[in-house]
Amino acid sequence: RCELSFQRHFYRSELWYVHHGSGVVYINFSEDPKDGPNEEWKLDVGINILIPVKTWHQLINLGKDPLVILEIQYGEKCAEEDIERRNTT
């Protein structure tokens, strides 16, 4: 199992396309990072998913094969610094 941090972005949206592999993305539309994910979307080849600005999300590869996502970022600011990670402690 391989996963990214539970995170959100204040200035950009992301559009994902699953190119290879499968996994899951957990989504939380709440402003409070302490709220757990309220949606779970299965990801398989050919699936598109939109992650709107300020939406908490976490991408997880549950399999042994690589999960390859093509990501398009768009919005007011597309910079690596535009990430807020949920405090897991």
PDB file of N, CA and C in Angstrom:
ATOM      1  N   ARG A   1       0.858  -1.189   0.000  1.00  0.00           N
ATOM      2  CA  ARG A   1       0.000   0.000   0.000  1.00  0.00           C
ATOM      3  C   ARG A   1       0.888   1.230   0.000  1.00  0.00           C
ATOM      4  N   CYS A   2       0.549   2.183  -0.843  1.00  0.00           N
ATOM      5  CA  CYS A   2       1.295   3.436  -0.947  1.00  0.00           C
ATOM      6  C   CYS A   2       0.273   4.574  -0.977  1.00  0.00           C
ATOM      7  N   GLU A   3       0.542   5.655  -0.245  1.00  0.00           N
ATOM      8  CA  GLU A   3      -0.446   6.735  -0.179  1.00  0.00           C
ATOM      9  C   GLU A   3       0.212   8.099  -0.074  1.00  0.00           C
ATOM     10  N   LEU A   4      -0.519   9.100  -0.531  1.00  0.00           N
ATOM     11  CA  LEU A   4      -0.119  10.497  -0.357  1.00  0.00           C
ATOM     12  C   LEU A   4      -0.735  11.020   0.929  1.00  0.00           C
ATOM     13  N   SER A   5      -0.265  12.156   1.387  1.00  0.00           N
ATOM     14  CA  SER A   5      -0.847  12.768   2.588  1.00  0.00           C
ATOM     15  C   SER A   5      -2.269  13.254   2.303  1.00  0.00           C
ATOM     16  N   PHE A   6      -3.070  13.376   3.358  1.00  0.00           N
ATOM     17  CA  PHE A   6      -4.405  13.977   3.267  1.00  0.00           C
ATOM     18  C   PHE A   6      -4.169  15.474   3.172  1.00  0.00           C
ATOM     19  N   GLN A   7      -4.566  16.098   2.071  1.00  0.00           N
ATOM     20  CA  GLN A   7      -4.170  17.477   1.794  1.00  0.00           C
ATOM     21  C   GLN A   7      -5.247  18.238   1.044  1.00  0.00           C
ATOM     22  N   ARG A   8      -5.043  19.565   0.979  1.00  0.00           N
ATOM     23  CA  ARG A   8      -5.901  20.421   0.158  1.00  0.00           C
ATOM     24  C   ARG A   8      -5.071  21.580  -0.365  1.00  0.00           C
ATOM     25  N   HIS A   9      -5.645  22.274  -1.340  1.00  0.00           N
ATOM     26  CA  HIS A   9      -4.981  23.401  -1.991  1.00  0.00           C
ATOM     27  C   HIS A   9      -5.933  24.590  -1.990  1.00  0.00           C
ATOM     28  N   PHE A  10      -5.413  25.767  -1.721  1.00  0.00           N
ATOM     29  CA  PHE A  10      -6.246  26.969  -1.612  1.00  0.00           C
ATOM     30  C   PHE A  10      -6.386  27.734  -2.922  1.00  0.00           C
ATOM     31  N   TYR A  11      -5.476  27.528  -3.859  1.00  0.00           N
ATOM     32  CA  TYR A  11      -5.474  28.332  -5.077  1.00  0.00           C
ATOM     33  C   TYR A  11      -5.623  27.532  -6.361  1.00  0.00           C
ATOM     34  N   ARG A  12      -5.677  26.235  -6.267  1.00  0.00           N
ATOM     35  CA  ARG A  12      -5.757  25.437  -7.490  1.00  0.00           C
ATOM     36  C   ARG A  12      -6.713  24.258  -7.331  1.00  0.00           C
ATOM     37  N   SER A  13      -7.293  23.895  -8.450  1.00  0.00           N
ATOM     38  CA  SER A  13      -8.044  22.657  -8.574  1.00  0.00           C
ATOM     39  C   SER A  13      -7.159  21.660  -9.306  1.00  0.00           C
ATOM     40  N   GLU A  14      -7.495  20.399  -9.197  1.00  0.00           N
ATOM     41  CA  GLU A  14      -6.744  19.371  -9.898  1.00  0.00           C
ATOM     42  C   GLU A  14      -7.714  18.464 -10.647  1.00  0.00           C
ATOM     43  N   LEU A  15      -7.353  18.130 -11.863  1.00  0.00           N
ATOM     44  CA  LEU A  15      -8.093  17.166 -12.656  1.00  0.00           C
ATOM     45  C   LEU A  15      -7.178  15.969 -12.844  1.00  0.00           C
ATOM     46  N   TRP A  16      -7.637  14.805 -12.416  1.00  0.00           N
ATOM     47  CA  TRP A  16      -6.831  13.584 -12.509  1.00  0.00           C
ATOM     48  C   TRP A  16      -7.420  12.656 -13.560  1.00  0.00           C
ATOM     49  N   TYR A  17      -6.536  11.968 -14.251  1.00  0.00           N
ATOM     50  CA  TYR A  17      -6.905  10.915 -15.189  1.00  0.00           C
ATOM     51  C   TYR A  17      -6.092   9.685 -14.814  1.00  0.00           C
ATOM     52  N   VAL A  18      -6.747   8.562 -14.582  1.00  0.00           N
ATOM     53  CA  VAL A  18      -6.039   7.332 -14.215  1.00  0.00           C
ATOM     54  C   VAL A  18      -5.526   6.675 -15.499  1.00  0.00           C
ATOM     55  N   HIS A  19      -4.216   6.700 -15.664  1.00  0.00           N
ATOM     56  CA  HIS A  19      -3.566   6.153 -16.851  1.00  0.00           C
ATOM     57  C   HIS A  19      -3.268   4.664 -16.690  1.00  0.00           C
ATOM     58  N   HIS A  20      -2.873   4.260 -15.486  1.00  0.00           N
ATOM     59  CA  HIS A  20      -2.483   2.871 -15.240  1.00  0.00           C
ATOM     60  C   HIS A  20      -2.722   2.525 -13.776  1.00  0.00           C
ATOM     61  N   GLY A  21      -3.171   1.317 -13.522  1.00  0.00           N
ATOM     62  CA  GLY A  21      -3.341   0.851 -12.150  1.00  0.00           C
ATOM     63  C   GLY A  21      -4.721   1.142 -11.602  1.00  0.00           C
ATOM     64  N   SER A  22      -4.839   0.952 -10.295  1.00  0.00           N
ATOM     65  CA  SER A  22      -6.102   1.213  -9.621  1.00  0.00           C
ATOM     66  C   SER A  22      -5.833   1.627  -8.181  1.00  0.00           C
ATOM     67  N   GLY A  23      -6.811   2.256  -7.588  1.00  0.00           N
ATOM     68  CA  GLY A  23      -6.657   2.720  -6.216  1.00  0.00           C
ATOM     69  C   GLY A  23      -7.940   3.351  -5.729  1.00  0.00           C
ATOM     70  N   VAL A  24      -7.779   4.259  -4.797  1.00  0.00           N
ATOM     71  CA  VAL A  24      -8.929   4.937  -4.206  1.00  0.00           C
ATOM     72  C   VAL A  24      -8.510   6.362  -3.853  1.00  0.00           C
ATOM     73  N   VAL A  25      -9.471   7.270  -3.905  1.00  0.00           N
ATOM     74  CA  VAL A  25      -9.239   8.627  -3.404  1.00  0.00           C
ATOM     75  C   VAL A  25     -10.309   8.899  -2.357  1.00  0.00           C
ATOM     76  N   TYR A  26      -9.864   9.393  -1.218  1.00  0.00           N
ATOM     77  CA  TYR A  26     -10.769   9.798  -0.145  1.00  0.00           C
ATOM     78  C   TYR A  26     -10.952  11.300  -0.238  1.00  0.00           C
ATOM     79  N   ILE A  27     -12.196  11.750  -0.170  1.00  0.00           N
ATOM     80  CA  ILE A  27     -12.552  13.158  -0.331  1.00  0.00           C
ATOM     81  C   ILE A  27     -13.298  13.622   0.913  1.00  0.00           C
ATOM     82  N   ASN A  28     -13.004  14.848   1.341  1.00  0.00           N
ATOM     83  CA  ASN A  28     -13.728  15.468   2.447  1.00  0.00           C
ATOM     84  C   ASN A  28     -14.024  16.901   2.040  1.00  0.00           C
ATOM     85  N   PHE A  29     -15.299  17.230   1.881  1.00  0.00           N
ATOM     86  CA  PHE A  29     -15.693  18.567   1.469  1.00  0.00           C
ATOM     87  C   PHE A  29     -15.831  19.522   2.656  1.00  0.00           C
ATOM     88  N   SER A  30     -15.587  19.035   3.861  1.00  0.00           N
ATOM     89  CA  SER A  30     -15.661  19.867   5.064  1.00  0.00           C
ATOM     90  C   SER A  30     -14.437  20.768   5.168  1.00  0.00           C
ATOM     91  N   GLU A  31     -14.605  21.922   5.788  1.00  0.00           N
ATOM     92  CA  GLU A  31     -13.478  22.821   6.035  1.00  0.00           C
ATOM     93  C   GLU A  31     -12.593  22.330   7.181  1.00  0.00           C
ATOM     94  N   ASP A  32     -13.146  21.491   8.040  1.00  0.00           N
ATOM     95  CA  ASP A  32     -12.423  21.033   9.227  1.00  0.00           C
ATOM     96  C   ASP A  32     -11.600  19.785   8.896  1.00  0.00           C
ATOM     97  N   PRO A  33     -10.269  19.879   8.988  1.00  0.00           N
ATOM     98  CA  PRO A  33      -9.437  18.735   8.638  1.00  0.00           C
ATOM     99  C   PRO A  33      -9.600  17.561   9.594  1.00  0.00           C
ATOM    100  N   LYS A  34     -10.206  17.788  10.751  1.00  0.00           N
ATOM    101  CA  LYS A  34     -10.417  16.701  11.701  1.00  0.00           C
ATOM    102  C   LYS A  34     -11.576  15.798  11.284  1.00  0.00           C
ATOM    103  N   ASP A  35     -12.448  16.319  10.412  1.00  0.00           N
ATOM    104  CA  ASP A  35     -13.526  15.493   9.883  1.00  0.00           C
ATOM    105  C   ASP A  35     -12.911  14.444   8.955  1.00  0.00           C
ATOM    106  N   GLY A  36     -13.309  13.220   9.119  1.00  0.00           N
ATOM    107  CA  GLY A  36     -12.793  12.163   8.263  1.00  0.00           C
ATOM    108  C   GLY A  36     -13.357  12.275   6.863  1.00  0.00           C
ATOM    109  N   PRO A  37     -12.822  11.498   5.934  1.00  0.00           N
ATOM    110  CA  PRO A  37     -13.340  11.514   4.562  1.00  0.00           C
ATOM    111  C   PRO A  37     -14.819  11.155   4.539  1.00  0.00           C
ATOM    112  N   ASN A  38     -15.585  11.869   3.715  1.00  0.00           N
ATOM    113  CA  ASN A  38     -17.007  11.552   3.615  1.00  0.00           C
ATOM    114  C   ASN A  38     -17.363  10.948   2.260  1.00  0.00           C
ATOM    115  N   GLU A  39     -16.379  10.790   1.399  1.00  0.00           N
ATOM    116  CA  GLU A  39     -16.601  10.109   0.121  1.00  0.00           C
ATOM    117  C   GLU A  39     -15.369   9.276  -0.209  1.00  0.00           C
ATOM    118  N   GLU A  40     -15.613   8.156  -0.837  1.00  0.00           N
ATOM    119  CA  GLU A  40     -14.540   7.279  -1.303  1.00  0.00           C
ATOM    120  C   GLU A  40     -14.833   6.938  -2.748  1.00  0.00           C
ATOM    121  N   TRP A  41     -13.884   7.244  -3.626  1.00  0.00           N
ATOM    122  CA  TRP A  41     -14.073   6.969  -5.049  1.00  0.00           C
ATOM    123  C   TRP A  41     -13.043   5.955  -5.501  1.00  0.00           C
ATOM    124  N   LYS A  42     -13.505   4.878  -6.117  1.00  0.00           N
ATOM    125  CA  LYS A  42     -12.614   3.863  -6.680  1.00  0.00           C
ATOM    126  C   LYS A  42     -12.005   4.406  -7.966  1.00  0.00           C
ATOM    127  N   LEU A  43     -10.740   4.143  -8.152  1.00  0.00           N
ATOM    128  CA  LEU A  43     -10.026   4.613  -9.334  1.00  0.00           C
ATOM    129  C   LEU A  43      -9.556   3.426 -10.161  1.00  0.00           C
ATOM    130  N   ASP A  44      -9.889   3.436 -11.440  1.00  0.00           N
ATOM    131  CA  ASP A  44      -9.433   2.436 -12.400  1.00  0.00           C
ATOM    132  C   ASP A  44      -9.037   3.151 -13.679  1.00  0.00           C
ATOM    133  N   VAL A  45      -8.358   2.451 -14.558  1.00  0.00           N
ATOM    134  CA  VAL A  45      -7.886   3.028 -15.815  1.00  0.00           C
ATOM    135  C   VAL A  45      -9.049   3.719 -16.543  1.00  0.00           C
ATOM    136  N   GLY A  46      -8.787   4.943 -16.989  1.00  0.00           N
ATOM    137  CA  GLY A  46      -9.771   5.705 -17.754  1.00  0.00           C
ATOM    138  C   GLY A  46     -10.662   6.619 -16.934  1.00  0.00           C
ATOM    139  N   ILE A  47     -10.605   6.507 -15.618  1.00  0.00           N
ATOM    140  CA  ILE A  47     -11.441   7.347 -14.748  1.00  0.00           C
ATOM    141  C   ILE A  47     -10.866   8.756 -14.670  1.00  0.00           C
ATOM    142  N   ASN A  48     -11.751   9.754 -14.727  1.00  0.00           N
ATOM    143  CA  ASN A  48     -11.393  11.156 -14.497  1.00  0.00           C
ATOM    144  C   ASN A  48     -11.997  11.584 -13.173  1.00  0.00           C
ATOM    145  N   ILE A  49     -11.284  12.425 -12.443  1.00  0.00           N
ATOM    146  CA  ILE A  49     -11.823  12.940 -11.187  1.00  0.00           C
ATOM    147  C   ILE A  49     -11.367  14.384 -11.016  1.00  0.00           C
ATOM    148  N   LEU A  50     -12.279  15.231 -10.556  1.00  0.00           N
ATOM    149  CA  LEU A  50     -11.977  16.636 -10.303  1.00  0.00           C
ATOM    150  C   LEU A  50     -11.874  16.852  -8.801  1.00  0.00           C
ATOM    151  N   ILE A  51     -10.772  17.464  -8.381  1.00  0.00           N
ATOM    152  CA  ILE A  51     -10.566  17.842  -6.984  1.00  0.00           C
ATOM    153  C   ILE A  51     -10.664  19.367  -6.920  1.00  0.00           C
ATOM    154  N   PRO A  52     -11.801  19.909  -6.458  1.00  0.00           N
ATOM    155  CA  PRO A  52     -11.965  21.367  -6.419  1.00  0.00           C
ATOM    156  C   PRO A  52     -11.052  22.038  -5.386  1.00  0.00           C
ATOM    157  N   VAL A  53     -10.855  23.320  -5.540  1.00  0.00           N
ATOM    158  CA  VAL A  53     -10.100  24.134  -4.582  1.00  0.00           C
ATOM    159  C   VAL A  53     -10.647  23.895  -3.177  1.00  0.00           C
ATOM    160  N   LYS A  54      -9.765  23.827  -2.193  1.00  0.00           N
ATOM    161  CA  LYS A  54     -10.066  23.693  -0.756  1.00  0.00           C
ATOM    162  C   LYS A  54     -10.697  22.353  -0.371  1.00  0.00           C
ATOM    163  N   THR A  55     -10.629  21.372  -1.247  1.00  0.00           N
ATOM    164  CA  THR A  55     -11.196  20.067  -0.947  1.00  0.00           C
ATOM    165  C   THR A  55     -10.111  19.142  -0.404  1.00  0.00           C
ATOM    166  N   TRP A  56     -10.321  18.627   0.805  1.00  0.00           N
ATOM    167  CA  TRP A  56      -9.387  17.663   1.383  1.00  0.00           C
ATOM    168  C   TRP A  56      -9.443  16.381   0.562  1.00  0.00           C
ATOM    169  N   HIS A  57      -8.261  15.810   0.254  1.00  0.00           N
ATOM    170  CA  HIS A  57      -8.212  14.589  -0.541  1.00  0.00           C
ATOM    171  C   HIS A  57      -6.954  13.787  -0.226  1.00  0.00           C
ATOM    172  N   GLN A  58      -7.069  12.483  -0.435  1.00  0.00           N
ATOM    173  CA  GLN A  58      -5.930  11.585  -0.240  1.00  0.00           C
ATOM    174  C   GLN A  58      -6.008  10.477  -1.273  1.00  0.00           C
ATOM    175  N   LEU A  59      -4.911  10.289  -1.992  1.00  0.00           N
ATOM    176  CA  LEU A  59      -4.807   9.273  -3.033  1.00  0.00           C
ATOM    177  C   LEU A  59      -4.064   8.062  -2.465  1.00  0.00           C
ATOM    178  N   ILE A  60      -4.625   6.870  -2.691  1.00  0.00           N
ATOM    179  CA  ILE A  60      -4.021   5.648  -2.166  1.00  0.00           C
ATOM    180  C   ILE A  60      -3.990   4.580  -3.253  1.00  0.00           C
ATOM    181  N   ASN A  61      -2.827   3.974  -3.418  1.00  0.00           N
ATOM    182  CA  ASN A  61      -2.674   2.815  -4.284  1.00  0.00           C
ATOM    183  C   ASN A  61      -2.786   1.589  -3.393  1.00  0.00           C
ATOM    184  N   LEU A  62      -3.830   0.823  -3.571  1.00  0.00           N
ATOM    185  CA  LEU A  62      -4.058  -0.349  -2.732  1.00  0.00           C
ATOM    186  C   LEU A  62      -3.445  -1.619  -3.316  1.00  0.00           C
ATOM    187  N   GLY A  63      -2.962  -1.552  -4.548  1.00  0.00           N
ATOM    188  CA  GLY A  63      -2.421  -2.739  -5.214  1.00  0.00           C
ATOM    189  C   GLY A  63      -0.907  -2.792  -5.217  1.00  0.00           C
ATOM    190  N   LYS A  64      -0.397  -3.804  -5.904  1.00  0.00           N
ATOM    191  CA  LYS A  64       1.055  -3.978  -6.029  1.00  0.00           C
ATOM    192  C   LYS A  64       1.607  -3.278  -7.272  1.00  0.00           C
ATOM    193  N   ASP A  65       0.751  -3.080  -8.280  1.00  0.00           N
ATOM    194  CA  ASP A  65       1.177  -2.419  -9.512  1.00  0.00           C
ATOM    195  C   ASP A  65       1.190  -0.908  -9.310  1.00  0.00           C
ATOM    196  N   PRO A  66       2.027  -0.195 -10.064  1.00  0.00           N
ATOM    197  CA  PRO A  66       2.032   1.266  -9.964  1.00  0.00           C
ATOM    198  C   PRO A  66       0.677   1.871 -10.327  1.00  0.00           C
ATOM    199  N   LEU A  67       0.316   2.925  -9.623  1.00  0.00           N
ATOM    200  CA  LEU A  67      -0.873   3.723  -9.941  1.00  0.00           C
ATOM    201  C   LEU A  67      -0.365   5.004 -10.588  1.00  0.00           C
ATOM    202  N   VAL A  68      -0.657   5.176 -11.864  1.00  0.00           N
ATOM    203  CA  VAL A  68      -0.165   6.324 -12.621  1.00  0.00           C
ATOM    204  C   VAL A  68      -1.319   7.278 -12.882  1.00  0.00           C
ATOM    205  N   ILE A  69      -1.193   8.484 -12.345  1.00  0.00           N
ATOM    206  CA  ILE A  69      -2.210   9.527 -12.484  1.00  0.00           C
ATOM    207  C   ILE A  69      -1.626  10.671 -13.307  1.00  0.00           C
ATOM    208  N   LEU A  70      -2.339  11.081 -14.338  1.00  0.00           N
ATOM    209  CA  LEU A  70      -1.988  12.301 -15.058  1.00  0.00           C
ATOM    210  C   LEU A  70      -2.771  13.422 -14.400  1.00  0.00           C
ATOM    211  N   GLU A  71      -2.082  14.464 -13.965  1.00  0.00           N
ATOM    212  CA  GLU A  71      -2.715  15.536 -13.202  1.00  0.00           C
ATOM    213  C   GLU A  71      -2.586  16.860 -13.934  1.00  0.00           C
ATOM    214  N   ILE A  72      -3.713  17.538 -14.078  1.00  0.00           N
ATOM    215  CA  ILE A  72      -3.735  18.900 -14.617  1.00  0.00           C
ATOM    216  C   ILE A  72      -4.107  19.818 -13.465  1.00  0.00           C
ATOM    217  N   GLN A  73      -3.251  20.778 -13.179  1.00  0.00           N
ATOM    218  CA  GLN A  73      -3.519  21.769 -12.138  1.00  0.00           C
ATOM    219  C   GLN A  73      -3.938  23.064 -12.813  1.00  0.00           C
ATOM    220  N   TYR A  74      -4.980  23.689 -12.272  1.00  0.00           N
ATOM    221  CA  TYR A  74      -5.391  24.978 -12.821  1.00  0.00           C
ATOM    222  C   TYR A  74      -6.006  25.818 -11.716  1.00  0.00           C
ATOM    223  N   GLY A  75      -5.865  27.122 -11.862  1.00  0.00           N
ATOM    224  CA  GLY A  75      -6.411  28.033 -10.869  1.00  0.00           C
ATOM    225  C   GLY A  75      -5.567  29.280 -10.756  1.00  0.00           C
ATOM    226  N   GLU A  76      -5.772  29.985  -9.677  1.00  0.00           N
ATOM    227  CA  GLU A  76      -5.106  31.255  -9.426  1.00  0.00           C
ATOM    228  C   GLU A  76      -3.595  31.107  -9.269  1.00  0.00           C
ATOM    229  N   LYS A  77      -3.167  29.987  -8.658  1.00  0.00           N
ATOM    230  CA  LYS A  77      -1.742  29.779  -8.389  1.00  0.00           C
ATOM    231  C   LYS A  77      -1.466  28.281  -8.378  1.00  0.00           C
ATOM    232  N   CYS A  78      -0.556  27.846  -9.226  1.00  0.00           N
ATOM    233  CA  CYS A  78      -0.175  26.431  -9.276  1.00  0.00           C
ATOM    234  C   CYS A  78       1.275  26.318  -8.812  1.00  0.00           C
ATOM    235  N   ALA A  79       1.445  26.149  -7.517  1.00  0.00           N
ATOM    236  CA  ALA A  79       2.784  26.088  -6.922  1.00  0.00           C
ATOM    237  C   ALA A  79       2.811  25.012  -5.849  1.00  0.00           C
ATOM    238  N   GLU A  80       3.953  24.390  -5.677  1.00  0.00           N
ATOM    239  CA  GLU A  80       4.103  23.335  -4.684  1.00  0.00           C
ATOM    240  C   GLU A  80       3.806  23.835  -3.274  1.00  0.00           C
ATOM    241  N   GLU A  81       4.021  25.111  -3.017  1.00  0.00           N
ATOM    242  CA  GLU A  81       3.764  25.684  -1.690  1.00  0.00           C
ATOM    243  C   GLU A  81       2.279  25.732  -1.342  1.00  0.00           C
ATOM    244  N   ASP A  82       1.423  25.541  -2.335  1.00  0.00           N
ATOM    245  CA  ASP A  82      -0.027  25.596  -2.101  1.00  0.00           C
ATOM    246  C   ASP A  82      -0.545  24.236  -1.640  1.00  0.00           C
ATOM    247  N   ILE A  83       0.004  23.748  -0.548  1.00  0.00           N
ATOM    248  CA  ILE A  83      -0.452  22.478   0.027  1.00  0.00           C
ATOM    249  C   ILE A  83      -0.598  22.651   1.531  1.00  0.00           C
ATOM    250  N   GLU A  84      -1.773  22.317   2.026  1.00  0.00           N
ATOM    251  CA  GLU A  84      -1.959  22.196   3.467  1.00  0.00           C
ATOM    252  C   GLU A  84      -2.190  20.729   3.752  1.00  0.00           C
ATOM    253  N   ARG A  85      -1.333  20.167   4.581  1.00  0.00           N
ATOM    254  CA  ARG A  85      -1.462  18.757   4.944  1.00  0.00           C
ATOM    255  C   ARG A  85      -2.165  18.632   6.268  1.00  0.00           C
ATOM    256  N   ARG A  86      -3.028  17.636   6.381  1.00  0.00           N
ATOM    257  CA  ARG A  86      -3.738  17.410   7.623  1.00  0.00           C
ATOM    258  C   ARG A  86      -2.752  16.928   8.684  1.00  0.00           C
ATOM    259  N   ASN A  87      -2.847  17.515   9.840  1.00  0.00           N
ATOM    260  CA  ASN A  87      -2.023  17.116  10.960  1.00  0.00           C
ATOM    261  C   ASN A  87      -2.531  15.773  11.465  1.00  0.00           C
ATOM    262  N   THR A  88      -1.698  14.768  11.424  1.00  0.00           N
ATOM    263  CA  THR A  88      -2.125  13.425  11.805  1.00  0.00           C
ATOM    264  C   THR A  88      -1.891  13.135  13.294  1.00  0.00           C
ATOM    265  N   THR A  89      -1.379  14.097  14.025  1.00  0.00           N
ATOM    266  CA  THR A  89      -1.143  13.868  15.458  1.00  0.00           C
ATOM    267  C   THR A  89      -2.265  14.406  16.298  1.00  0.00           C
TER     268      THR A  89
END
